[in-house]
Amino acid sequence: MIELISAQPAWFWLCLGGLLLIGELLGTAGYLLWSGIAAVLVGVIAWALPFIGWEWQGILFAIFTVVSAVLWRNWLRNRQKNKADNVNQISHQLIGVKSRLLSDTEEGFSRVRLADGSWRVYSDTPLSANTEVVVIAVDGITLQVKPSHDDSTHAPSGQ
């Protein structure tokens, strides 16, 4: 068996990579993903460059695994910084979203339609219906808004 594996190292690495990727499908939360991809890469390199010995293949596998895991970790860390601090407060993801007022503000309050719901909004300045506003903050279930800068004219109510 060892003779067969040593005669075809590319198949060994491809099979190992496949087994690691199958193991990842069983729910290891990414721990086997990068090792599996590294093994497949080493398999492709062993197929393209058959003169590379087992020692270098093992070193390549270790390097690819560590580098890919570190790159994934850095990408994931940067991605998480861009999201809201608390995923349980979905409304904070609405900051920066533009919408139009459904009615004139009364004592600073009005409503806007976002996605499939209507949200209560508050503005420091009186605004008329159909004014484009941008969400600047969230206070409980009330969105604080201000007029959008690029809204120089108000569209007719029928639009």
C-alpha atoms as a PDB file:
ATOM      1  CA  MET A   1       0.000   0.000   0.000  1.00  0.00           C
ATOM      2  CA  ILE A   2       2.833   2.415   0.881  1.00  0.00           C
ATOM      3  CA  GLU A   3       4.481   1.648  -2.482  1.00  0.00           C
ATOM      4  CA  LEU A   4       1.261   2.545  -4.288  1.00  0.00           C
ATOM      5  CA  ILE A   5       0.925   5.836  -2.398  1.00  0.00           C
ATOM      6  CA  SER A   6       4.557   6.760  -2.961  1.00  0.00           C
ATOM      7  CA  ALA A   7       4.206   5.987  -6.681  1.00  0.00           C
ATOM      8  CA  GLN A   8       1.234   8.377  -7.041  1.00  0.00           C
ATOM      9  CA  PRO A   9       1.640  11.207  -4.483  1.00  0.00           C
ATOM     10  CA  ALA A  10      -0.765  13.486  -6.352  1.00  0.00           C
ATOM     11  CA  TRP A  11      -3.617  11.015  -5.765  1.00  0.00           C
ATOM     12  CA  PHE A  12      -2.720  10.778  -2.095  1.00  0.00           C
ATOM     13  CA  TRP A  13      -2.943  14.547  -1.624  1.00  0.00           C
ATOM     14  CA  LEU A  14      -6.130  14.845  -3.675  1.00  0.00           C
ATOM     15  CA  CYS A  15      -7.785  12.057  -1.677  1.00  0.00           C
ATOM     16  CA  LEU A  16      -6.606  13.538   1.621  1.00  0.00           C
ATOM     17  CA  GLY A  17      -7.941  16.939   0.559  1.00  0.00           C
ATOM     18  CA  GLY A  18     -11.251  15.394  -0.417  1.00  0.00           C
ATOM     19  CA  LEU A  19     -11.547  13.581   2.906  1.00  0.00           C
ATOM     20  CA  LEU A  20     -10.745  16.756   4.832  1.00  0.00           C
ATOM     21  CA  LEU A  21     -13.328  18.715   2.842  1.00  0.00           C
ATOM     22  CA  ILE A  22     -15.925  15.997   3.460  1.00  0.00           C
ATOM     23  CA  GLY A  23     -15.056  16.191   7.145  1.00  0.00           C
ATOM     24  CA  GLU A  24     -15.651  19.943   6.956  1.00  0.00           C
ATOM     25  CA  LEU A  25     -19.146  19.275   5.629  1.00  0.00           C
ATOM     26  CA  LEU A  26     -19.882  17.380   8.834  1.00  0.00           C
ATOM     27  CA  GLY A  27     -19.684  20.659  10.725  1.00  0.00           C
ATOM     28  CA  THR A  28     -16.201  21.462  11.987  1.00  0.00           C
ATOM     29  CA  ALA A  29     -16.759  25.239  11.651  1.00  0.00           C
ATOM     30  CA  GLY A  30     -13.921  25.823   9.209  1.00  0.00           C
ATOM     31  CA  TYR A  31     -11.183  23.885  10.968  1.00  0.00           C
ATOM     32  CA  LEU A  32     -10.724  21.347   8.170  1.00  0.00           C
ATOM     33  CA  LEU A  33     -11.543  23.645   5.248  1.00  0.00           C
ATOM     34  CA  TRP A  34      -8.135  25.230   4.896  1.00  0.00           C
ATOM     35  CA  SER A  35      -6.254  21.973   5.453  1.00  0.00           C
ATOM     36  CA  GLY A  36      -8.415  20.349   2.778  1.00  0.00           C
ATOM     37  CA  ILE A  37      -7.770  23.150   0.309  1.00  0.00           C
ATOM     38  CA  ALA A  38      -4.045  23.030   1.093  1.00  0.00           C
ATOM     39  CA  ALA A  39      -3.976  19.270   0.460  1.00  0.00           C
ATOM     40  CA  VAL A  40      -5.738  19.716  -2.891  1.00  0.00           C
ATOM     41  CA  LEU A  41      -3.230  22.436  -3.863  1.00  0.00           C
ATOM     42  CA  VAL A  42      -0.323  20.163  -2.958  1.00  0.00           C
ATOM     43  CA  GLY A  43      -1.981  17.400  -5.012  1.00  0.00           C
ATOM     44  CA  VAL A  44      -2.162  19.664  -8.045  1.00  0.00           C
ATOM     45  CA  ILE A  45       1.475  20.725  -7.554  1.00  0.00           C
ATOM     46  CA  ALA A  46       2.567  17.071  -7.129  1.00  0.00           C
ATOM     47  CA  TRP A  47       0.744  16.212 -10.358  1.00  0.00           C
ATOM     48  CA  ALA A  48       2.253  19.173 -12.273  1.00  0.00           C
ATOM     49  CA  LEU A  49       5.759  18.744 -10.811  1.00  0.00           C
ATOM     50  CA  PRO A  50       6.218  15.015 -10.126  1.00  0.00           C
ATOM     51  CA  PHE A  51       9.900  15.417  -9.214  1.00  0.00           C
ATOM     52  CA  ILE A  52       9.066  17.161  -5.901  1.00  0.00           C
ATOM     53  CA  GLY A  53       9.785  14.774  -3.032  1.00  0.00           C
ATOM     54  CA  TRP A  54       7.575  13.877  -0.058  1.00  0.00           C
ATOM     55  CA  GLU A  55       9.522  16.179   2.236  1.00  0.00           C
ATOM     56  CA  TRP A  56       8.785  19.252   0.139  1.00  0.00           C
ATOM     57  CA  GLN A  57       5.183  18.205  -0.335  1.00  0.00           C
ATOM     58  CA  GLY A  58       4.736  18.014   3.438  1.00  0.00           C
ATOM     59  CA  ILE A  59       6.386  21.408   3.880  1.00  0.00           C
ATOM     60  CA  LEU A  60       4.141  22.909   1.174  1.00  0.00           C
ATOM     61  CA  PHE A  61       1.091  21.405   2.857  1.00  0.00           C
ATOM     62  CA  ALA A  62       2.053  22.946   6.204  1.00  0.00           C
ATOM     63  CA  ILE A  63       2.804  26.345   4.655  1.00  0.00           C
ATOM     64  CA  PHE A  64      -0.420  26.425   2.607  1.00  0.00           C
ATOM     65  CA  THR A  65      -2.486  25.434   5.640  1.00  0.00           C
ATOM     66  CA  VAL A  66      -1.017  28.102   7.907  1.00  0.00           C
ATOM     67  CA  VAL A  67      -1.030  30.872   5.291  1.00  0.00           C
ATOM     68  CA  SER A  68      -4.607  30.214   4.188  1.00  0.00           C
ATOM     69  CA  ALA A  69      -5.857  30.044   7.786  1.00  0.00           C
ATOM     70  CA  VAL A  70      -4.114  33.320   8.690  1.00  0.00           C
ATOM     71  CA  LEU A  71      -5.457  35.064   5.567  1.00  0.00           C
ATOM     72  CA  TRP A  72      -8.975  33.800   6.326  1.00  0.00           C
ATOM     73  CA  ARG A  73      -8.721  34.978   9.922  1.00  0.00           C
ATOM     74  CA  ASN A  74      -7.599  38.464   8.835  1.00  0.00           C
ATOM     75  CA  TRP A  75     -10.371  38.698   6.241  1.00  0.00           C
ATOM     76  CA  LEU A  76     -12.947  37.572   8.777  1.00  0.00           C
ATOM     77  CA  ARG A  77     -11.711  40.061  11.389  1.00  0.00           C
ATOM     78  CA  ASN A  78     -11.962  42.958   8.902  1.00  0.00           C
ATOM     79  CA  ARG A  79     -15.415  41.803   7.808  1.00  0.00           C
ATOM     80  CA  GLN A  80     -16.708  41.714  11.393  1.00  0.00           C
ATOM     81  CA  LYS A  81     -15.518  45.285  12.041  1.00  0.00           C
ATOM     82  CA  ASN A  82     -17.785  46.497   9.249  1.00  0.00           C
ATOM     83  CA  LYS A  83     -20.900  44.987  10.823  1.00  0.00           C
ATOM     84  CA  ALA A  84     -22.896  46.292  13.747  1.00  0.00           C
ATOM     85  CA  ASP A  85     -21.341  45.681  17.147  1.00  0.00           C
ATOM     86  CA  ASN A  86     -24.317  43.721  18.378  1.00  0.00           C
ATOM     87  CA  VAL A  87     -25.971  41.369  15.909  1.00  0.00           C
ATOM     88  CA  ASN A  88     -29.034  41.217  18.138  1.00  0.00           C
ATOM     89  CA  GLN A  89     -29.748  44.862  17.334  1.00  0.00           C
ATOM     90  CA  ILE A  90     -30.608  44.522  13.669  1.00  0.00           C
ATOM     91  CA  SER A  91     -32.078  48.032  13.574  1.00  0.00           C
ATOM     92  CA  HIS A  92     -28.556  49.488  13.889  1.00  0.00           C
ATOM     93  CA  GLN A  93     -27.819  48.150  10.421  1.00  0.00           C
ATOM     94  CA  LEU A  94     -30.375  50.668   9.102  1.00  0.00           C
ATOM     95  CA  ILE A  95     -28.065  53.621   9.843  1.00  0.00           C
ATOM     96  CA  GLY A  96     -27.265  55.300   6.540  1.00  0.00           C
ATOM     97  CA  VAL A  97     -30.332  53.918   4.733  1.00  0.00           C
ATOM     98  CA  LYS A  98     -32.404  56.414   2.742  1.00  0.00           C
ATOM     99  CA  SER A  99     -36.181  56.422   2.511  1.00  0.00           C
ATOM    100  CA  ARG A 100     -39.094  58.812   1.975  1.00  0.00           C
ATOM    101  CA  LEU A 101     -41.478  60.030   4.668  1.00  0.00           C
ATOM    102  CA  LEU A 102     -44.988  58.621   4.422  1.00  0.00           C
ATOM    103  CA  SER A 103     -46.572  61.656   6.131  1.00  0.00           C
ATOM    104  CA  ASP A 104     -45.711  65.141   7.382  1.00  0.00           C
ATOM    105  CA  THR A 105     -43.886  65.223  10.700  1.00  0.00           C
ATOM    106  CA  GLU A 106     -46.075  65.964  13.698  1.00  0.00           C
ATOM    107  CA  GLU A 107     -44.098  67.107  16.730  1.00  0.00           C
ATOM    108  CA  GLY A 108     -41.039  65.658  14.984  1.00  0.00           C
ATOM    109  CA  PHE A 109     -42.489  62.184  14.392  1.00  0.00           C
ATOM    110  CA  SER A 110     -43.477  60.476  11.144  1.00  0.00           C
ATOM    111  CA  ARG A 111     -43.152  57.075   9.461  1.00  0.00           C
ATOM    112  CA  VAL A 112     -41.086  55.563   6.636  1.00  0.00           C
ATOM    113  CA  ARG A 113     -41.378  52.277   4.794  1.00  0.00           C
ATOM    114  CA  LEU A 114     -38.252  50.096   4.934  1.00  0.00           C
ATOM    115  CA  ALA A 115     -38.180  46.569   3.551  1.00  0.00           C
ATOM    116  CA  ASP A 116     -41.524  44.992   4.451  1.00  0.00           C
ATOM    117  CA  GLY A 117     -42.406  47.210   7.404  1.00  0.00           C
ATOM    118  CA  SER A 118     -43.186  50.720   8.513  1.00  0.00           C
ATOM    119  CA  TRP A 119     -40.825  52.419  10.967  1.00  0.00           C
ATOM    120  CA  ARG A 120     -41.439  55.325  13.313  1.00  0.00           C
ATOM    121  CA  VAL A 121     -38.965  58.154  12.699  1.00  0.00           C
ATOM    122  CA  TYR A 122     -38.042  61.359  14.474  1.00  0.00           C
ATOM    123  CA  SER A 123     -36.580  64.512  12.959  1.00  0.00           C
ATOM    124  CA  ASP A 124     -35.444  67.689  14.730  1.00  0.00           C
ATOM    125  CA  THR A 125     -36.712  69.779  11.809  1.00  0.00           C
ATOM    126  CA  PRO A 126     -40.259  69.790  10.435  1.00  0.00           C
ATOM    127  CA  LEU A 127     -40.463  67.831   7.183  1.00  0.00           C
ATOM    128  CA  SER A 128     -43.229  67.263   4.676  1.00  0.00           C
ATOM    129  CA  ALA A 129     -44.447  63.959   3.281  1.00  0.00           C
ATOM    130  CA  ASN A 130     -42.316  62.331   0.548  1.00  0.00           C
ATOM    131  CA  THR A 131     -39.129  64.094   1.741  1.00  0.00           C
ATOM    132  CA  GLU A 132     -36.122  61.850   1.309  1.00  0.00           C
ATOM    133  CA  VAL A 133     -34.448  61.249   4.650  1.00  0.00           C
ATOM    134  CA  VAL A 134     -31.428  59.279   5.828  1.00  0.00           C
ATOM    135  CA  VAL A 135     -31.278  57.327   9.086  1.00  0.00           C
ATOM    136  CA  ILE A 136     -28.609  58.779  11.385  1.00  0.00           C
ATOM    137  CA  ALA A 137     -29.276  56.949  14.663  1.00  0.00           C
ATOM    138  CA  VAL A 138     -31.525  54.431  16.384  1.00  0.00           C
ATOM    139  CA  ASP A 139     -33.278  55.075  19.674  1.00  0.00           C
ATOM    140  CA  GLY A 140     -35.173  51.961  20.733  1.00  0.00           C
ATOM    141  CA  ILE A 141     -37.718  51.387  17.982  1.00  0.00           C
ATOM    142  CA  THR A 142     -37.533  54.960  16.662  1.00  0.00           C
ATOM    143  CA  LEU A 143     -35.165  55.873  13.854  1.00  0.00           C
ATOM    144  CA  GLN A 144     -33.656  59.347  14.003  1.00  0.00           C
ATOM    145  CA  VAL A 145     -33.500  60.889  10.552  1.00  0.00           C
ATOM    146  CA  LYS A 146     -32.354  64.032   8.810  1.00  0.00           C
ATOM    147  CA  PRO A 147     -33.160  65.286   5.318  1.00  0.00           C
ATOM    148  CA  SER A 148     -30.993  63.757   2.619  1.00  0.00           C
ATOM    149  CA  HIS A 149     -28.584  66.289   1.068  1.00  0.00           C
ATOM    150  CA  ASP A 150     -29.273  65.243  -2.526  1.00  0.00           C
ATOM    151  CA  ASP A 151     -33.035  65.848  -2.156  1.00  0.00           C
ATOM    152  CA  SER A 152     -33.287  69.387  -3.563  1.00  0.00           C
ATOM    153  CA  THR A 153     -36.839  68.988  -4.850  1.00  0.00           C
ATOM    154  CA  HIS A 154     -39.715  67.076  -3.410  1.00  0.00           C
ATOM    155  CA  ALA A 155     -41.359  64.564  -5.687  1.00  0.00           C
ATOM    156  CA  PRO A 156     -45.116  64.814  -6.143  1.00  0.00           C
ATOM    157  CA  SER A 157     -47.208  62.780  -3.720  1.00  0.00           C
ATOM    158  CA  GLY A 158     -48.353  60.413  -6.467  1.00  0.00           C
ATOM    159  CA  GLN A 159     -44.909  58.913  -6.963  1.00  0.00           C
END
